[in-house]
Amino acid sequence: MFAAARYSLGGVKRLWGETAFRHEVLAFLLITGVFFISGVPLWGYVGAILLFLLTVSIEALNTAVEEITDHASPNYSDMARHAKDLGSFAVFCLLLANAIWAMFVLWSHWIPLAA
């Protein structure tokens, strides 16, 4: 268990080197800050946390695909480009899901207040 935790911490350290990951962490902090200021109920936070964790896991897998692809195919390759593009698209889909969730939570919270 300790070895697994050490490997996971190594993964977090490697992922922290990715600008995209740092932006995702910042976006999550901003969303939760807006939720807090808006007085969003607990279910909004739970959904945001779950989507953030899913985004982080897919970002980690995308980074792993990029690392392996760069190692296996240091020269230009259509197959390597496709692999990287597909990983990037997976992350994009989850970023979109995070944005939709945040808008839904805020809309659900603000609309009853306006009535």
PDB file of N, CA and C in Angstrom:
ATOM      1  N   MET A   1       0.816  -1.178   0.000  1.00  0.00           N
ATOM      2  CA  MET A   1       0.000   0.000   0.000  1.00  0.00           C
ATOM      3  C   MET A   1       0.874   1.262   0.000  1.00  0.00           C
ATOM      4  N   PHE A   2       1.967   1.234   0.754  1.00  0.00           N
ATOM      5  CA  PHE A   2       2.849   2.388   0.798  1.00  0.00           C
ATOM      6  C   PHE A   2       3.542   2.598  -0.546  1.00  0.00           C
ATOM      7  N   ALA A   3       3.907   1.506  -1.211  1.00  0.00           N
ATOM      8  CA  ALA A   3       4.540   1.627  -2.529  1.00  0.00           C
ATOM      9  C   ALA A   3       3.560   2.230  -3.522  1.00  0.00           C
ATOM     10  N   ALA A   4       2.307   1.788  -3.481  1.00  0.00           N
ATOM     11  CA  ALA A   4       1.290   2.328  -4.386  1.00  0.00           C
ATOM     12  C   ALA A   4       1.089   3.819  -4.139  1.00  0.00           C
ATOM     13  N   ALA A   5       1.068   4.218  -2.871  1.00  0.00           N
ATOM     14  CA  ALA A   5       0.914   5.634  -2.531  1.00  0.00           C
ATOM     15  C   ALA A   5       2.102   6.446  -3.044  1.00  0.00           C
ATOM     16  N   ARG A   6       3.307   5.867  -2.930  1.00  0.00           N
ATOM     17  CA  ARG A   6       4.506   6.557  -3.415  1.00  0.00           C
ATOM     18  C   ARG A   6       4.456   6.718  -4.934  1.00  0.00           C
ATOM     19  N   TYR A   7       4.016   5.673  -5.658  1.00  0.00           N
ATOM     20  CA  TYR A   7       3.881   5.765  -7.113  1.00  0.00           C
ATOM     21  C   TYR A   7       2.837   6.814  -7.490  1.00  0.00           C
ATOM     22  N   SER A   8       1.734   6.851  -6.743  1.00  0.00           N
ATOM     23  CA  SER A   8       0.684   7.828  -7.016  1.00  0.00           C
ATOM     24  C   SER A   8       1.188   9.246  -6.783  1.00  0.00           C
ATOM     25  N   LEU A   9       1.942   9.455  -5.706  1.00  0.00           N
ATOM     26  CA  LEU A   9       2.505  10.779  -5.452  1.00  0.00           C
ATOM     27  C   LEU A   9       3.493  11.179  -6.545  1.00  0.00           C
ATOM     28  N   GLY A  10       4.233  10.200  -7.056  1.00  0.00           N
ATOM     29  CA  GLY A  10       5.121  10.468  -8.189  1.00  0.00           C
ATOM     30  C   GLY A  10       4.325  10.891  -9.418  1.00  0.00           C
ATOM     31  N   GLY A  11       3.169  10.261  -9.605  1.00  0.00           N
ATOM     32  CA  GLY A  11       2.299  10.638 -10.727  1.00  0.00           C
ATOM     33  C   GLY A  11       1.759  12.044 -10.572  1.00  0.00           C
ATOM     34  N   VAL A  12       1.364  12.408  -9.348  1.00  0.00           N
ATOM     35  CA  VAL A  12       0.874  13.767  -9.101  1.00  0.00           C
ATOM     36  C   VAL A  12       1.986  14.774  -9.348  1.00  0.00           C
ATOM     37  N   LYS A  13       3.194  14.445  -8.891  1.00  0.00           N
ATOM     38  CA  LYS A  13       4.335  15.345  -9.101  1.00  0.00           C
ATOM     39  C   LYS A  13       4.598  15.533 -10.601  1.00  0.00           C
ATOM     40  N   ARG A  14       4.544  14.428 -11.356  1.00  0.00           N
ATOM     41  CA  ARG A  14       4.752  14.522 -12.814  1.00  0.00           C
ATOM     42  C   ARG A  14       3.637  15.323 -13.462  1.00  0.00           C
ATOM     43  N   LEU A  15       2.389  15.074 -13.039  1.00  0.00           N
ATOM     44  CA  LEU A  15       1.238  15.763 -13.622  1.00  0.00           C
ATOM     45  C   LEU A  15       1.273  17.249 -13.299  1.00  0.00           C
ATOM     46  N   TRP A  16       1.779  17.614 -12.127  1.00  0.00           N
ATOM     47  CA  TRP A  16       1.871  19.021 -11.750  1.00  0.00           C
ATOM     48  C   TRP A  16       2.764  19.790 -12.735  1.00  0.00           C
ATOM     49  N   GLY A  17       3.673  19.097 -13.408  1.00  0.00           N
ATOM     50  CA  GLY A  17       4.530  19.721 -14.417  1.00  0.00           C
ATOM     51  C   GLY A  17       3.786  20.091 -15.691  1.00  0.00           C
ATOM     52  N   GLU A  18       2.570  19.613 -15.837  1.00  0.00           N
ATOM     53  CA  GLU A  18       1.746  19.915 -17.009  1.00  0.00           C
ATOM     54  C   GLU A  18       0.946  21.195 -16.765  1.00  0.00           C
ATOM     55  N   THR A  19       1.119  22.173 -17.650  1.00  0.00           N
ATOM     56  CA  THR A  19       0.383  23.426 -17.536  1.00  0.00           C
ATOM     57  C   THR A  19      -1.121  23.186 -17.552  1.00  0.00           C
ATOM     58  N   ALA A  20      -1.585  22.285 -18.406  1.00  0.00           N
ATOM     59  CA  ALA A  20      -3.020  22.007 -18.503  1.00  0.00           C
ATOM     60  C   ALA A  20      -3.570  21.531 -17.160  1.00  0.00           C
ATOM     61  N   PHE A  21      -2.826  20.696 -16.460  1.00  0.00           N
ATOM     62  CA  PHE A  21      -3.280  20.197 -15.162  1.00  0.00           C
ATOM     63  C   PHE A  21      -3.389  21.335 -14.157  1.00  0.00           C
ATOM     64  N   ARG A  22      -2.398  22.207 -14.137  1.00  0.00           N
ATOM     65  CA  ARG A  22      -2.453  23.338 -13.211  1.00  0.00           C
ATOM     66  C   ARG A  22      -3.644  24.237 -13.522  1.00  0.00           C
ATOM     67  N   HIS A  23      -3.949  24.405 -14.804  1.00  0.00           N
ATOM     68  CA  HIS A  23      -5.133  25.190 -15.198  1.00  0.00           C
ATOM     69  C   HIS A  23      -6.413  24.506 -14.733  1.00  0.00           C
ATOM     70  N   GLU A  24      -6.458  23.191 -14.831  1.00  0.00           N
ATOM     71  CA  GLU A  24      -7.640  22.443 -14.390  1.00  0.00           C
ATOM     72  C   GLU A  24      -7.840  22.570 -12.876  1.00  0.00           C
ATOM     73  N   VAL A  25      -6.748  22.533 -12.134  1.00  0.00           N
ATOM     74  CA  VAL A  25      -6.836  22.721 -10.678  1.00  0.00           C
ATOM     75  C   VAL A  25      -7.343  24.126 -10.369  1.00  0.00           C
ATOM     76  N   LEU A  26      -6.817  25.119 -11.070  1.00  0.00           N
ATOM     77  CA  LEU A  26      -7.253  26.503 -10.871  1.00  0.00           C
ATOM     78  C   LEU A  26      -8.739  26.655 -11.200  1.00  0.00           C
ATOM     79  N   ALA A  27      -9.181  26.062 -12.309  1.00  0.00           N
ATOM     80  CA  ALA A  27     -10.596  26.136 -12.684  1.00  0.00           C
ATOM     81  C   ALA A  27     -11.471  25.485 -11.620  1.00  0.00           C
ATOM     82  N   PHE A  28     -11.043  24.357 -11.088  1.00  0.00           N
ATOM     83  CA  PHE A  28     -11.800  23.688 -10.025  1.00  0.00           C
ATOM     84  C   PHE A  28     -11.898  24.576  -8.788  1.00  0.00           C
ATOM     85  N   LEU A  29     -10.799  25.199  -8.416  1.00  0.00           N
ATOM     86  CA  LEU A  29     -10.819  26.091  -7.254  1.00  0.00           C
ATOM     87  C   LEU A  29     -11.733  27.286  -7.492  1.00  0.00           C
ATOM     88  N   LEU A  30     -11.722  27.813  -8.708  1.00  0.00           N
ATOM     89  CA  LEU A  30     -12.614  28.928  -9.032  1.00  0.00           C
ATOM     90  C   LEU A  30     -14.081  28.503  -8.978  1.00  0.00           C
ATOM     91  N   ILE A  31     -14.370  27.337  -9.538  1.00  0.00           N
ATOM     92  CA  ILE A  31     -15.752  26.839  -9.524  1.00  0.00           C
ATOM     93  C   ILE A  31     -16.225  26.639  -8.091  1.00  0.00           C
ATOM     94  N   THR A  32     -15.401  26.004  -7.266  1.00  0.00           N
ATOM     95  CA  THR A  32     -15.822  25.774  -5.884  1.00  0.00           C
ATOM     96  C   THR A  32     -15.931  27.095  -5.120  1.00  0.00           C
ATOM     97  N   GLY A  33     -15.092  28.074  -5.464  1.00  0.00           N
ATOM     98  CA  GLY A  33     -15.202  29.394  -4.850  1.00  0.00           C
ATOM     99  C   GLY A  33     -16.516  30.081  -5.215  1.00  0.00           C
ATOM    100  N   VAL A  34     -16.885  29.994  -6.486  1.00  0.00           N
ATOM    101  CA  VAL A  34     -18.168  30.563  -6.929  1.00  0.00           C
ATOM    102  C   VAL A  34     -19.319  29.820  -6.274  1.00  0.00           C
ATOM    103  N   PHE A  35     -19.203  28.512  -6.171  1.00  0.00           N
ATOM    104  CA  PHE A  35     -20.235  27.727  -5.483  1.00  0.00           C
ATOM    105  C   PHE A  35     -20.383  28.198  -4.030  1.00  0.00           C
ATOM    106  N   PHE A  36     -19.260  28.391  -3.356  1.00  0.00           N
ATOM    107  CA  PHE A  36     -19.288  28.799  -1.954  1.00  0.00           C
ATOM    108  C   PHE A  36     -19.943  30.168  -1.798  1.00  0.00           C
ATOM    109  N   ILE A  37     -19.522  31.113  -2.623  1.00  0.00           N
ATOM    110  CA  ILE A  37     -20.084  32.467  -2.572  1.00  0.00           C
ATOM    111  C   ILE A  37     -21.577  32.447  -2.879  1.00  0.00           C
ATOM    112  N   SER A  38     -21.988  31.566  -3.784  1.00  0.00           N
ATOM    113  CA  SER A  38     -23.393  31.479  -4.190  1.00  0.00           C
ATOM    114  C   SER A  38     -24.245  30.678  -3.221  1.00  0.00           C
ATOM    115  N   GLY A  39     -23.621  29.976  -2.295  1.00  0.00           N
ATOM    116  CA  GLY A  39     -24.377  29.166  -1.339  1.00  0.00           C
ATOM    117  C   GLY A  39     -24.980  27.919  -1.959  1.00  0.00           C
ATOM    118  N   VAL A  40     -24.254  27.317  -2.872  1.00  0.00           N
ATOM    119  CA  VAL A  40     -24.710  26.108  -3.571  1.00  0.00           C
ATOM    120  C   VAL A  40     -24.847  24.958  -2.575  1.00  0.00           C
ATOM    121  N   PRO A  41     -25.857  24.109  -2.742  1.00  0.00           N
ATOM    122  CA  PRO A  41     -26.023  22.963  -1.830  1.00  0.00           C
ATOM    123  C   PRO A  41     -24.918  21.915  -2.022  1.00  0.00           C
ATOM    124  N   LEU A  42     -24.841  21.006  -1.070  1.00  0.00           N
ATOM    125  CA  LEU A  42     -23.794  19.981  -1.042  1.00  0.00           C
ATOM    126  C   LEU A  42     -23.736  19.152  -2.326  1.00  0.00           C
ATOM    127  N   TRP A  43     -24.891  18.812  -2.904  1.00  0.00           N
ATOM    128  CA  TRP A  43     -24.897  17.975  -4.110  1.00  0.00           C
ATOM    129  C   TRP A  43     -24.129  18.624  -5.258  1.00  0.00           C
ATOM    130  N   GLY A  44     -24.101  19.955  -5.312  1.00  0.00           N
ATOM    131  CA  GLY A  44     -23.332  20.636  -6.357  1.00  0.00           C
ATOM    132  C   GLY A  44     -21.846  20.408  -6.211  1.00  0.00           C
ATOM    133  N   TYR A  45     -21.375  20.467  -4.963  1.00  0.00           N
ATOM    134  CA  TYR A  45     -19.961  20.219  -4.677  1.00  0.00           C
ATOM    135  C   TYR A  45     -19.578  18.772  -4.968  1.00  0.00           C
ATOM    136  N   VAL A  46     -20.451  17.849  -4.581  1.00  0.00           N
ATOM    137  CA  VAL A  46     -20.151  16.428  -4.792  1.00  0.00           C
ATOM    138  C   VAL A  46     -19.969  16.149  -6.280  1.00  0.00           C
ATOM    139  N   GLY A  47     -20.889  16.640  -7.094  1.00  0.00           N
ATOM    140  CA  GLY A  47     -20.767  16.453  -8.540  1.00  0.00           C
ATOM    141  C   GLY A  47     -19.502  17.086  -9.097  1.00  0.00           C
ATOM    142  N   ALA A  48     -19.174  18.301  -8.625  1.00  0.00           N
ATOM    143  CA  ALA A  48     -17.972  18.994  -9.099  1.00  0.00           C
ATOM    144  C   ALA A  48     -16.710  18.228  -8.715  1.00  0.00           C
ATOM    145  N   ILE A  49     -16.675  17.707  -7.491  1.00  0.00           N
ATOM    146  CA  ILE A  49     -15.500  16.945  -7.035  1.00  0.00           C
ATOM    147  C   ILE A  49     -15.339  15.666  -7.852  1.00  0.00           C
ATOM    148  N   LEU A  50     -16.449  14.958  -8.073  1.00  0.00           N
ATOM    149  CA  LEU A  50     -16.369  13.720  -8.864  1.00  0.00           C
ATOM    150  C   LEU A  50     -15.913  14.004 -10.288  1.00  0.00           C
ATOM    151  N   LEU A  51     -16.460  15.045 -10.912  1.00  0.00           N
ATOM    152  CA  LEU A  51     -16.038  15.389 -12.276  1.00  0.00           C
ATOM    153  C   LEU A  51     -14.575  15.834 -12.305  1.00  0.00           C
ATOM    154  N   PHE A  52     -14.143  16.564 -11.281  1.00  0.00           N
ATOM    155  CA  PHE A  52     -12.745  16.986 -11.224  1.00  0.00           C
ATOM    156  C   PHE A  52     -11.818  15.778 -11.123  1.00  0.00           C
ATOM    157  N   LEU A  53     -12.166  14.835 -10.241  1.00  0.00           N
ATOM    158  CA  LEU A  53     -11.336  13.627 -10.106  1.00  0.00           C
ATOM    159  C   LEU A  53     -11.296  12.824 -11.401  1.00  0.00           C
ATOM    160  N   LEU A  54     -12.417  12.749 -12.091  1.00  0.00           N
ATOM    161  CA  LEU A  54     -12.447  12.057 -13.380  1.00  0.00           C
ATOM    162  C   LEU A  54     -11.588  12.798 -14.400  1.00  0.00           C
ATOM    163  N   THR A  55     -11.672  14.121 -14.394  1.00  0.00           N
ATOM    164  CA  THR A  55     -10.852  14.925 -15.306  1.00  0.00           C
ATOM    165  C   THR A  55      -9.372  14.715 -15.028  1.00  0.00           C
ATOM    166  N   VAL A  56      -8.997  14.714 -13.756  1.00  0.00           N
ATOM    167  CA  VAL A  56      -7.591  14.513 -13.382  1.00  0.00           C
ATOM    168  C   VAL A  56      -7.118  13.136 -13.829  1.00  0.00           C
ATOM    169  N   SER A  57      -7.960  12.122 -13.670  1.00  0.00           N
ATOM    170  CA  SER A  57      -7.541  10.777 -14.064  1.00  0.00           C
ATOM    171  C   SER A  57      -7.363  10.686 -15.583  1.00  0.00           C
ATOM    172  N   ILE A  58      -8.249  11.303 -16.331  1.00  0.00           N
ATOM    173  CA  ILE A  58      -8.111  11.269 -17.793  1.00  0.00           C
ATOM    174  C   ILE A  58      -6.922  12.126 -18.230  1.00  0.00           C
ATOM    175  N   GLU A  59      -6.681  13.235 -17.544  1.00  0.00           N
ATOM    176  CA  GLU A  59      -5.496  14.051 -17.844  1.00  0.00           C
ATOM    177  C   GLU A  59      -4.218  13.244 -17.589  1.00  0.00           C
ATOM    178  N   ALA A  60      -4.213  12.462 -16.516  1.00  0.00           N
ATOM    179  CA  ALA A  60      -3.051  11.616 -16.216  1.00  0.00           C
ATOM    180  C   ALA A  60      -2.859  10.568 -17.313  1.00  0.00           C
ATOM    181  N   LEU A  61      -3.943   9.947 -17.738  1.00  0.00           N
ATOM    182  CA  LEU A  61      -3.841   8.954 -18.820  1.00  0.00           C
ATOM    183  C   LEU A  61      -3.397   9.610 -20.129  1.00  0.00           C
ATOM    184  N   ASN A  62      -3.906  10.800 -20.400  1.00  0.00           N
ATOM    185  CA  ASN A  62      -3.499  11.520 -21.607  1.00  0.00           C
ATOM    186  C   ASN A  62      -2.004  11.833 -21.562  1.00  0.00           C
ATOM    187  N   THR A  63      -1.527  12.264 -20.411  1.00  0.00           N
ATOM    188  CA  THR A  63      -0.099  12.552 -20.265  1.00  0.00           C
ATOM    189  C   THR A  63       0.722  11.278 -20.439  1.00  0.00           C
ATOM    190  N   ALA A  64       0.228  10.159 -19.910  1.00  0.00           N
ATOM    191  CA  ALA A  64       0.926   8.879 -20.076  1.00  0.00           C
ATOM    192  C   ALA A  64       0.983   8.490 -21.549  1.00  0.00           C
ATOM    193  N   VAL A  65      -0.113   8.667 -22.273  1.00  0.00           N
ATOM    194  CA  VAL A  65      -0.136   8.361 -23.717  1.00  0.00           C
ATOM    195  C   VAL A  65       0.876   9.241 -24.441  1.00  0.00           C
ATOM    196  N   GLU A  66       0.935  10.522 -24.089  1.00  0.00           N
ATOM    197  CA  GLU A  66       1.897  11.425 -24.729  1.00  0.00           C
ATOM    198  C   GLU A  66       3.335  10.999 -24.437  1.00  0.00           C
ATOM    199  N   GLU A  67       3.601  10.622 -23.184  1.00  0.00           N
ATOM    200  CA  GLU A  67       4.958  10.186 -22.812  1.00  0.00           C
ATOM    201  C   GLU A  67       5.365   8.942 -23.610  1.00  0.00           C
ATOM    202  N   ILE A  68       4.483   7.963 -23.640  1.00  0.00           N
ATOM    203  CA  ILE A  68       4.786   6.717 -24.348  1.00  0.00           C
ATOM    204  C   ILE A  68       4.917   6.967 -25.847  1.00  0.00           C
ATOM    205  N   THR A  69       4.021   7.791 -26.390  1.00  0.00           N
ATOM    206  CA  THR A  69       4.051   8.090 -27.822  1.00  0.00           C
ATOM    207  C   THR A  69       5.346   8.809 -28.197  1.00  0.00           C
ATOM    208  N   ASP A  70       5.749   9.789 -27.387  1.00  0.00           N
ATOM    209  CA  ASP A  70       6.998  10.501 -27.669  1.00  0.00           C
ATOM    210  C   ASP A  70       8.207   9.574 -27.598  1.00  0.00           C
ATOM    211  N   HIS A  71       8.158   8.609 -26.692  1.00  0.00           N
ATOM    212  CA  HIS A  71       9.269   7.667 -26.563  1.00  0.00           C
ATOM    213  C   HIS A  71       9.284   6.677 -27.731  1.00  0.00           C
ATOM    214  N   ALA A  72       8.120   6.158 -28.079  1.00  0.00           N
ATOM    215  CA  ALA A  72       8.050   5.134 -29.128  1.00  0.00           C
ATOM    216  C   ALA A  72       8.200   5.717 -30.521  1.00  0.00           C
ATOM    217  N   SER A  73       7.791   6.971 -30.686  1.00  0.00           N
ATOM    218  CA  SER A  73       7.808   7.584 -32.014  1.00  0.00           C
ATOM    219  C   SER A  73       8.375   8.997 -31.920  1.00  0.00           C
ATOM    220  N   PRO A  74       9.705   9.116 -31.741  1.00  0.00           N
ATOM    221  CA  PRO A  74      10.301  10.445 -31.571  1.00  0.00           C
ATOM    222  C   PRO A  74      10.192  11.318 -32.833  1.00  0.00           C
ATOM    223  N   ASN A  75      10.079  10.681 -33.979  1.00  0.00           N
ATOM    224  CA  ASN A  75       9.902  11.426 -35.224  1.00  0.00           C
ATOM    225  C   ASN A  75       8.414  11.569 -35.517  1.00  0.00           C
ATOM    226  N   TYR A  76       8.072  12.456 -36.443  1.00  0.00           N
ATOM    227  CA  TYR A  76       6.666  12.680 -36.767  1.00  0.00           C
ATOM    228  C   TYR A  76       6.017  11.390 -37.268  1.00  0.00           C
ATOM    229  N   SER A  77       4.809  11.153 -36.791  1.00  0.00           N
ATOM    230  CA  SER A  77       4.045   9.985 -37.201  1.00  0.00           C
ATOM    231  C   SER A  77       2.564  10.333 -37.111  1.00  0.00           C
ATOM    232  N   ASP A  78       1.805   9.989 -38.162  1.00  0.00           N
ATOM    233  CA  ASP A  78       0.361  10.221 -38.117  1.00  0.00           C
ATOM    234  C   ASP A  78      -0.281   9.447 -36.981  1.00  0.00           C
ATOM    235  N   MET A  79       0.175   8.224 -36.738  1.00  0.00           N
ATOM    236  CA  MET A  79      -0.393   7.403 -35.675  1.00  0.00           C
ATOM    237  C   MET A  79      -0.152   8.064 -34.305  1.00  0.00           C
ATOM    238  N   ALA A  80       1.041   8.598 -34.099  1.00  0.00           N
ATOM    239  CA  ALA A  80       1.351   9.277 -32.840  1.00  0.00           C
ATOM    240  C   ALA A  80       0.490  10.526 -32.694  1.00  0.00           C
ATOM    241  N   ARG A  81       0.324  11.272 -33.766  1.00  0.00           N
ATOM    242  CA  ARG A  81      -0.518  12.471 -33.726  1.00  0.00           C
ATOM    243  C   ARG A  81      -1.948  12.104 -33.396  1.00  0.00           C
ATOM    244  N   HIS A  82      -2.466  11.030 -34.011  1.00  0.00           N
ATOM    245  CA  HIS A  82      -3.835  10.590 -33.732  1.00  0.00           C
ATOM    246  C   HIS A  82      -3.995  10.190 -32.261  1.00  0.00           C
ATOM    247  N   ALA A  83      -3.017   9.480 -31.724  1.00  0.00           N
ATOM    248  CA  ALA A  83      -3.083   9.064 -30.315  1.00  0.00           C
ATOM    249  C   ALA A  83      -3.141  10.280 -29.400  1.00  0.00           C
ATOM    250  N   LYS A  84      -2.302  11.267 -29.667  1.00  0.00           N
ATOM    251  CA  LYS A  84      -2.292  12.478 -28.849  1.00  0.00           C
ATOM    252  C   LYS A  84      -3.592  13.266 -29.009  1.00  0.00           C
ATOM    253  N   ASP A  85      -4.088  13.364 -30.237  1.00  0.00           N
ATOM    254  CA  ASP A  85      -5.343  14.089 -30.480  1.00  0.00           C
ATOM    255  C   ASP A  85      -6.518  13.426 -29.774  1.00  0.00           C
ATOM    256  N   LEU A  86      -6.556  12.104 -29.773  1.00  0.00           N
ATOM    257  CA  LEU A  86      -7.653  11.389 -29.103  1.00  0.00           C
ATOM    258  C   LEU A  86      -7.600  11.595 -27.591  1.00  0.00           C
ATOM    259  N   GLY A  87      -6.410  11.566 -27.027  1.00  0.00           N
ATOM    260  CA  GLY A  87      -6.276  11.826 -25.595  1.00  0.00           C
ATOM    261  C   GLY A  87      -6.692  13.249 -25.249  1.00  0.00           C
ATOM    262  N   SER A  88      -6.307  14.184 -26.083  1.00  0.00           N
ATOM    263  CA  SER A  88      -6.689  15.576 -25.879  1.00  0.00           C
ATOM    264  C   SER A  88      -8.200  15.750 -25.976  1.00  0.00           C
ATOM    265  N   PHE A  89      -8.829  15.059 -26.913  1.00  0.00           N
ATOM    266  CA  PHE A  89     -10.279  15.134 -27.061  1.00  0.00           C
ATOM    267  C   PHE A  89     -10.995  14.575 -25.831  1.00  0.00           C
ATOM    268  N   ALA A  90     -10.467  13.503 -25.259  1.00  0.00           N
ATOM    269  CA  ALA A  90     -11.063  12.931 -24.051  1.00  0.00           C
ATOM    270  C   ALA A  90     -11.042  13.945 -22.903  1.00  0.00           C
ATOM    271  N   VAL A  91      -9.921  14.644 -22.753  1.00  0.00           N
ATOM    272  CA  VAL A  91      -9.816  15.667 -21.710  1.00  0.00           C
ATOM    273  C   VAL A  91     -10.788  16.809 -22.009  1.00  0.00           C
ATOM    274  N   PHE A  92     -10.859  17.229 -23.265  1.00  0.00           N
ATOM    275  CA  PHE A  92     -11.772  18.301 -23.649  1.00  0.00           C
ATOM    276  C   PHE A  92     -13.220  17.957 -23.303  1.00  0.00           C
ATOM    277  N   CYS A  93     -13.624  16.724 -23.579  1.00  0.00           N
ATOM    278  CA  CYS A  93     -14.993  16.296 -23.267  1.00  0.00           C
ATOM    279  C   CYS A  93     -15.278  16.426 -21.783  1.00  0.00           C
ATOM    280  N   LEU A  94     -14.318  16.065 -20.950  1.00  0.00           N
ATOM    281  CA  LEU A  94     -14.525  16.180 -19.504  1.00  0.00           C
ATOM    282  C   LEU A  94     -14.498  17.627 -19.033  1.00  0.00           C
ATOM    283  N   LEU A  95     -13.695  18.465 -19.666  1.00  0.00           N
ATOM    284  CA  LEU A  95     -13.719  19.881 -19.322  1.00  0.00           C
ATOM    285  C   LEU A  95     -15.077  20.477 -19.660  1.00  0.00           C
ATOM    286  N   LEU A  96     -15.628  20.066 -20.794  1.00  0.00           N
ATOM    287  CA  LEU A  96     -16.962  20.505 -21.183  1.00  0.00           C
ATOM    288  C   LEU A  96     -18.001  20.017 -20.176  1.00  0.00           C
ATOM    289  N   ALA A  97     -17.887  18.776 -19.733  1.00  0.00           N
ATOM    290  CA  ALA A  97     -18.804  18.229 -18.727  1.00  0.00           C
ATOM    291  C   ALA A  97     -18.718  19.024 -17.429  1.00  0.00           C
ATOM    292  N   ASN A  98     -17.496  19.421 -17.030  1.00  0.00           N
ATOM    293  CA  ASN A  98     -17.327  20.242 -15.824  1.00  0.00           C
ATOM    294  C   ASN A  98     -18.025  21.587 -15.978  1.00  0.00           C
ATOM    295  N   ALA A  99     -17.871  22.210 -17.133  1.00  0.00           N
ATOM    296  CA  ALA A  99     -18.508  23.507 -17.374  1.00  0.00           C
ATOM    297  C   ALA A  99     -20.027  23.390 -17.380  1.00  0.00           C
ATOM    298  N   ILE A 100     -20.544  22.346 -18.034  1.00  0.00           N
ATOM    299  CA  ILE A 100     -21.990  22.136 -18.067  1.00  0.00           C
ATOM    300  C   ILE A 100     -22.517  21.903 -16.657  1.00  0.00           C
ATOM    301  N   TRP A 101     -21.806  21.106 -15.868  1.00  0.00           N
ATOM    302  CA  TRP A 101     -22.235  20.842 -14.489  1.00  0.00           C
ATOM    303  C   TRP A 101     -22.262  22.140 -13.677  1.00  0.00           C
ATOM    304  N   ALA A 102     -21.191  22.934 -13.781  1.00  0.00           N
ATOM    305  CA  ALA A 102     -21.135  24.183 -13.020  1.00  0.00           C
ATOM    306  C   ALA A 102     -22.287  25.103 -13.415  1.00  0.00           C
ATOM    307  N   MET A 103     -22.567  25.222 -14.705  1.00  0.00           N
ATOM    308  CA  MET A 103     -23.671  26.072 -15.151  1.00  0.00           C
ATOM    309  C   MET A 103     -25.010  25.525 -14.673  1.00  0.00           C
ATOM    310  N   PHE A 104     -25.180  24.217 -14.739  1.00  0.00           N
ATOM    311  CA  PHE A 104     -26.424  23.602 -14.280  1.00  0.00           C
ATOM    312  C   PHE A 104     -26.652  23.842 -12.792  1.00  0.00           C
ATOM    313  N   VAL A 105     -25.611  23.642 -11.994  1.00  0.00           N
ATOM    314  CA  VAL A 105     -25.727  23.826 -10.542  1.00  0.00           C
ATOM    315  C   VAL A 105     -26.075  25.277 -10.227  1.00  0.00           C
ATOM    316  N   LEU A 106     -25.349  26.203 -10.841  1.00  0.00           N
ATOM    317  CA  LEU A 106     -25.617  27.617 -10.576  1.00  0.00           C
ATOM    318  C   LEU A 106     -27.005  28.017 -11.064  1.00  0.00           C
ATOM    319  N   TRP A 107     -27.394  27.562 -12.221  1.00  0.00           N
ATOM    320  CA  TRP A 107     -28.720  27.866 -12.765  1.00  0.00           C
ATOM    321  C   TRP A 107     -29.805  27.295 -11.859  1.00  0.00           C
ATOM    322  N   SER A 108     -29.609  26.052 -11.424  1.00  0.00           N
ATOM    323  CA  SER A 108     -30.594  25.413 -10.532  1.00  0.00           C
ATOM    324  C   SER A 108     -30.703  26.163  -9.197  1.00  0.00           C
ATOM    325  N   HIS A 109     -29.598  26.727  -8.765  1.00  0.00           N
ATOM    326  CA  HIS A 109     -29.587  27.420  -7.479  1.00  0.00           C
ATOM    327  C   HIS A 109     -30.158  28.838  -7.618  1.00  0.00           C
ATOM    328  N   TRP A 110     -29.831  29.537  -8.701  1.00  0.00           N
ATOM    329  CA  TRP A 110     -30.255  30.926  -8.852  1.00  0.00           C
ATOM    330  C   TRP A 110     -31.696  31.086  -9.312  1.00  0.00           C
ATOM    331  N   ILE A 111     -32.181  30.191 -10.166  1.00  0.00           N
ATOM    332  CA  ILE A 111     -33.535  30.335 -10.710  1.00  0.00           C
ATOM    333  C   ILE A 111     -34.593  30.359  -9.601  1.00  0.00           C
ATOM    334  N   PRO A 112     -34.562  29.427  -8.636  1.00  0.00           N
ATOM    335  CA  PRO A 112     -35.580  29.500  -7.563  1.00  0.00           C
ATOM    336  C   PRO A 112     -35.491  30.804  -6.757  1.00  0.00           C
ATOM    337  N   LEU A 113     -34.299  31.381  -6.653  1.00  0.00           N
ATOM    338  CA  LEU A 113     -34.131  32.620  -5.903  1.00  0.00           C
ATOM    339  C   LEU A 113     -34.776  33.800  -6.628  1.00  0.00           C
ATOM    340  N   ALA A 114     -34.785  33.738  -7.977  1.00  0.00           N
ATOM    341  CA  ALA A 114     -35.345  34.825  -8.775  1.00  0.00           C
ATOM    342  C   ALA A 114     -36.868  34.806  -8.752  1.00  0.00           C
ATOM    343  N   ALA A 115     -37.469  33.673  -8.458  1.00  0.00           N
ATOM    344  CA  ALA A 115     -38.937  33.560  -8.500  1.00  0.00           C
ATOM    345  C   ALA A 115     -39.612  34.145  -7.293  1.00  0.00           C
TER     346      ALA A 115
END
